[in-house]
N, C-alpha and C. Protein backbone atom coordinates (compact mmCIF):
# COMPACT_ATOMS: atom_id res chain seq x y z
N MET A 1 111.24 107.55 115.91
CA MET A 1 111.36 106.09 115.87
C MET A 1 112.45 105.75 114.62
N THR A 2 113.64 104.92 115.05
CA THR A 2 114.73 104.92 113.94
C THR A 2 114.25 103.64 113.03
N GLU A 3 114.71 103.70 112.01
CA GLU A 3 114.84 102.33 110.99
C GLU A 3 114.80 101.23 111.72
N ALA A 4 115.85 101.22 112.62
CA ALA A 4 116.32 99.86 113.11
C ALA A 4 115.27 99.32 114.46
N ASN A 5 114.64 100.15 114.94
CA ASN A 5 113.62 99.82 115.77
C ASN A 5 112.06 99.97 115.41
N ARG A 6 111.92 100.17 114.37
CA ARG A 6 110.53 100.28 113.69
C ARG A 6 109.83 99.07 113.64
N ILE A 7 108.53 99.01 114.00
CA ILE A 7 107.66 97.89 113.83
C ILE A 7 107.27 97.88 112.51
N LEU A 8 107.33 96.53 111.83
CA LEU A 8 107.11 96.27 110.48
C LEU A 8 105.64 95.84 110.36
N LEU A 9 104.78 95.79 109.31
CA LEU A 9 103.50 95.23 109.34
C LEU A 9 103.61 94.55 108.11
N GLY A 10 103.04 93.04 108.33
CA GLY A 10 102.99 92.27 107.38
C GLY A 10 101.38 91.96 107.23
N VAL A 11 100.97 91.69 105.98
CA VAL A 11 99.64 91.52 105.94
C VAL A 11 99.40 90.29 105.00
N ASN A 12 98.60 89.31 105.73
CA ASN A 12 98.27 87.92 105.32
C ASN A 12 97.05 87.99 104.47
N VAL A 13 96.73 87.67 103.26
CA VAL A 13 95.67 87.78 102.59
C VAL A 13 94.72 86.53 102.20
N ASP A 14 95.33 85.63 103.01
CA ASP A 14 94.70 84.20 102.80
C ASP A 14 93.11 84.12 103.29
N HIS A 15 92.96 84.88 104.30
CA HIS A 15 91.54 84.82 104.87
C HIS A 15 90.77 85.56 103.61
N VAL A 16 91.19 86.68 102.77
CA VAL A 16 90.18 87.17 101.79
C VAL A 16 90.01 86.32 101.09
N ALA A 17 90.80 85.29 100.55
CA ALA A 17 90.62 84.23 99.54
C ALA A 17 89.79 83.22 99.98
N THR A 18 89.64 82.72 101.30
CA THR A 18 89.00 82.03 101.89
C THR A 18 87.19 82.38 102.16
N LEU A 19 87.27 83.70 102.21
CA LEU A 19 85.69 84.63 102.38
C LEU A 19 85.19 84.25 100.84
N ARG A 20 85.95 84.82 99.95
CA ARG A 20 85.60 84.74 98.66
C ARG A 20 85.10 83.28 98.12
N GLN A 21 85.93 82.33 98.59
CA GLN A 21 85.55 81.08 98.34
C GLN A 21 84.34 80.52 98.99
N ALA A 22 84.14 80.88 100.07
CA ALA A 22 83.02 80.43 101.05
C ALA A 22 81.49 81.35 100.53
N ARG A 23 81.88 82.43 99.82
CA ARG A 23 80.78 83.08 99.17
C ARG A 23 80.23 82.61 97.73
N GLY A 24 81.45 82.15 97.16
CA GLY A 24 81.37 81.33 95.85
C GLY A 24 81.31 82.47 94.88
N THR A 25 81.81 83.88 95.15
CA THR A 25 81.80 84.86 94.14
C THR A 25 83.25 85.32 93.94
N ARG A 26 83.43 86.43 93.21
CA ARG A 26 84.64 86.69 92.73
C ARG A 26 85.12 88.02 93.55
N TYR A 27 84.52 88.14 94.53
CA TYR A 27 84.86 89.13 95.60
C TYR A 27 84.92 88.51 97.10
N PRO A 28 85.56 88.94 97.67
CA PRO A 28 86.62 90.15 97.72
C PRO A 28 87.96 89.41 96.92
N ASP A 29 88.59 90.46 96.39
CA ASP A 29 89.79 90.02 95.32
C ASP A 29 91.12 90.07 96.35
N PRO A 30 91.63 89.07 96.56
CA PRO A 30 92.88 88.88 97.39
C PRO A 30 93.89 89.89 96.55
N VAL A 31 94.12 90.09 95.41
CA VAL A 31 94.94 90.76 94.87
C VAL A 31 94.79 92.28 95.17
N LYS A 32 93.54 92.77 94.85
CA LYS A 32 93.23 94.04 95.67
C LYS A 32 93.48 94.38 96.80
N ALA A 33 93.18 93.32 97.75
CA ALA A 33 93.49 93.62 99.15
C ALA A 33 95.00 93.87 99.58
N ALA A 34 95.71 93.11 98.52
CA ALA A 34 97.16 92.92 98.82
C ALA A 34 97.81 94.55 98.27
N LEU A 35 97.10 94.76 97.34
CA LEU A 35 97.58 96.28 96.73
C LEU A 35 97.01 97.36 97.68
N ASP A 36 95.77 97.13 98.16
CA ASP A 36 95.26 98.19 99.40
C ASP A 36 96.21 97.96 100.51
N ALA A 37 96.44 97.16 100.83
CA ALA A 37 97.47 96.75 102.21
C ALA A 37 98.88 97.59 101.82
N GLU A 38 99.59 97.26 100.74
CA GLU A 38 100.69 97.96 100.23
C GLU A 38 100.64 99.50 100.19
N GLU A 39 99.54 100.02 99.59
CA GLU A 39 99.26 101.49 99.43
C GLU A 39 99.09 102.29 100.57
N ALA A 40 98.61 101.39 101.85
CA ALA A 40 98.19 101.80 103.20
C ALA A 40 99.71 101.76 104.05
N GLY A 41 100.61 100.92 103.47
CA GLY A 41 101.92 101.20 104.28
C GLY A 41 102.57 99.65 104.53
N ALA A 42 101.95 98.77 104.43
CA ALA A 42 102.18 97.29 104.49
C ALA A 42 103.78 97.18 104.16
N ASP A 43 104.41 96.52 104.91
CA ASP A 43 105.95 96.41 104.65
C ASP A 43 105.91 94.99 103.90
N GLY A 44 105.13 94.10 104.04
CA GLY A 44 104.96 92.75 103.25
C GLY A 44 103.84 92.13 103.16
N ILE A 45 103.56 91.31 102.22
CA ILE A 45 102.35 90.91 101.92
C ILE A 45 102.55 89.29 101.95
N THR A 46 101.81 88.32 102.44
CA THR A 46 101.81 87.01 102.66
C THR A 46 100.59 86.27 101.83
N VAL A 47 100.93 85.25 101.06
CA VAL A 47 99.83 84.52 100.77
C VAL A 47 100.12 83.13 100.56
N HIS A 48 99.41 82.07 100.89
CA HIS A 48 99.97 80.64 100.75
C HIS A 48 99.21 80.11 99.72
N LEU A 49 99.64 79.65 98.61
CA LEU A 49 99.07 78.70 97.47
C LEU A 49 98.67 77.55 97.98
N ARG A 50 97.57 77.15 97.51
CA ARG A 50 97.05 75.57 97.98
C ARG A 50 97.01 74.84 96.81
N GLU A 51 97.43 73.43 96.95
CA GLU A 51 97.69 72.65 95.91
C GLU A 51 96.39 72.36 95.21
N ASP A 52 95.49 72.32 95.78
CA ASP A 52 94.09 72.11 95.19
C ASP A 52 93.43 73.18 94.49
N ARG A 53 94.00 74.47 94.37
CA ARG A 53 93.82 75.52 93.54
C ARG A 53 92.28 75.98 94.28
N ARG A 54 91.84 75.58 95.23
CA ARG A 54 90.55 75.90 95.61
C ARG A 54 90.27 77.27 95.82
N HIS A 55 91.15 78.00 96.34
CA HIS A 55 91.07 79.61 96.43
C HIS A 55 92.37 79.98 96.22
């Protein structure tokens, strides 16, 4: 597979933060999830910041 037609992997860590908020704990850690995804070969990481800073 050439670089031009390679499938890219983007990882969204929003649900990791949602899960942490629902549990009321400090885990799972969205930053660690993003770093793990990058280490595993993800081409991009997405996270959406919330105005209310809930998670």
